[in-house]
Amino acid sequence: MYGALEVYSRSAMYKYFGKSVSCNLETNFGEDRFMGTCLEDIGVHRIEDFDMVSDMYCKACNCSQYSVAYHPYKTTKDWLTCWNTAAGM
């Protein structure tokens, strides 16, 4: 898993809390990659939908197109500019 948005099912979380002790906590990854690797290792399968998120790392970030998340904006000014565009302001 990577990016601005990860959604987990209830059953995935039950499996994670029951088996996460087997996950390698000593990683240099961010939380998104850690969770993706851990869940995969304990048998939780993923569904990816990159059309939901506007992310300039995976594809072009288009603030004028509807998305559930816009990523990444590291400054308040950049985030507000994108949000205002998305909201039609």
Protein backbone atom coordinates (compact mmCIF):
# COMPACT_ATOMS: atom_id res chain seq x y z
CA MET A 1 0.00 0.00 0.00
CA TYR A 2 1.12 3.46 -0.73
CA GLY A 3 -0.17 6.93 -0.66
CA ALA A 4 -2.67 9.38 0.65
CA LEU A 5 -5.44 6.91 1.41
CA GLU A 6 -5.59 3.38 2.71
CA VAL A 7 -8.86 1.72 3.69
CA TYR A 8 -8.92 -1.48 5.73
CA SER A 9 -11.80 -3.88 6.20
CA ARG A 10 -12.86 -4.93 9.67
CA SER A 11 -11.75 -8.50 8.95
CA ALA A 12 -8.31 -7.25 7.85
CA MET A 13 -7.92 -5.38 11.13
CA TYR A 14 -9.01 -8.41 13.19
CA LYS A 15 -6.41 -10.48 11.37
CA TYR A 16 -3.78 -7.75 11.84
CA PHE A 17 -4.35 -7.44 15.59
CA GLY A 18 -4.36 -11.21 15.96
CA LYS A 19 -1.20 -11.89 13.95
CA SER A 20 0.79 -8.65 13.75
CA VAL A 21 3.39 -9.96 16.20
CA SER A 22 4.80 -11.88 13.23
CA CYS A 23 5.35 -8.66 11.25
CA ASN A 24 8.84 -7.20 11.04
CA LEU A 25 8.79 -3.98 13.06
CA GLU A 26 12.39 -3.12 12.17
CA THR A 27 11.87 -1.52 8.77
CA ASN A 28 12.90 1.68 7.07
CA PHE A 29 9.47 2.02 5.45
CA GLY A 30 6.71 4.48 6.13
CA GLU A 31 3.50 3.27 7.77
CA ASP A 32 1.75 2.67 4.44
CA ARG A 33 4.37 0.26 3.13
CA PHE A 34 4.76 -1.38 6.55
CA MET A 35 1.03 -2.10 6.73
CA GLY A 36 0.90 -3.32 3.14
CA THR A 37 3.81 -5.71 3.67
CA CYS A 38 2.55 -6.89 7.05
CA LEU A 39 -1.00 -7.54 5.84
CA GLU A 40 0.30 -9.38 2.79
CA ASP A 41 2.56 -11.53 4.99
CA ILE A 42 -0.38 -12.56 7.21
CA GLY A 43 -2.65 -13.38 4.26
CA VAL A 44 -4.72 -10.23 3.77
CA HIS A 45 -5.17 -9.44 0.08
CA ARG A 46 -5.47 -5.93 -1.30
CA ILE A 47 -7.56 -4.24 -3.92
CA GLU A 48 -5.97 -1.18 -5.51
CA ASP A 49 -7.96 1.63 -7.10
CA PHE A 50 -5.68 4.44 -8.19
CA ASP A 51 -8.55 6.33 -9.84
CA MET A 52 -9.90 7.42 -6.44
CA VAL A 53 -6.86 9.46 -5.47
CA SER A 54 -5.19 12.30 -7.30
CA ASP A 55 -1.53 11.71 -6.50
CA MET A 56 1.36 13.33 -8.34
CA TYR A 57 3.64 10.38 -7.50
CA CYS A 58 1.43 7.74 -9.14
CA LYS A 59 -0.12 9.91 -11.85
CA ALA A 60 -0.78 13.58 -12.43
CA CYS A 61 -2.46 15.42 -9.58
CA ASN A 62 -5.47 17.24 -10.97
CA CYS A 63 -7.23 19.41 -8.41
CA SER A 64 -10.02 20.28 -10.85
CA GLN A 65 -11.05 16.63 -11.17
CA TYR A 66 -13.12 14.89 -8.46
CA SER A 67 -11.05 12.66 -6.18
CA VAL A 68 -11.43 11.49 -2.59
CA ALA A 69 -7.91 12.70 -1.77
CA TYR A 70 -5.26 14.96 -3.30
CA HIS A 71 -1.64 14.10 -2.51
CA PRO A 72 0.89 15.40 -1.60
CA TYR A 73 0.62 19.00 -0.56
CA LYS A 74 3.21 19.81 2.07
CA THR A 75 2.31 23.45 2.70
CA THR A 76 -0.96 24.95 3.85
CA LYS A 77 -0.96 27.35 0.90
CA ASP A 78 -0.55 24.55 -1.68
CA TRP A 79 -3.21 22.40 -0.01
CA LEU A 80 -5.71 25.28 0.19
CA THR A 81 -5.09 26.19 -3.47
CA CYS A 82 -5.89 22.61 -4.50
CA TRP A 83 -8.88 22.39 -2.17
CA ASN A 84 -10.31 25.68 -3.46
CA THR A 85 -9.91 24.45 -7.04
CA ALA A 86 -11.57 21.13 -6.22
CA ALA A 87 -14.43 22.91 -4.42
CA GLY A 88 -14.94 25.25 -7.36
CA MET A 89 -14.01 28.36 -5.40
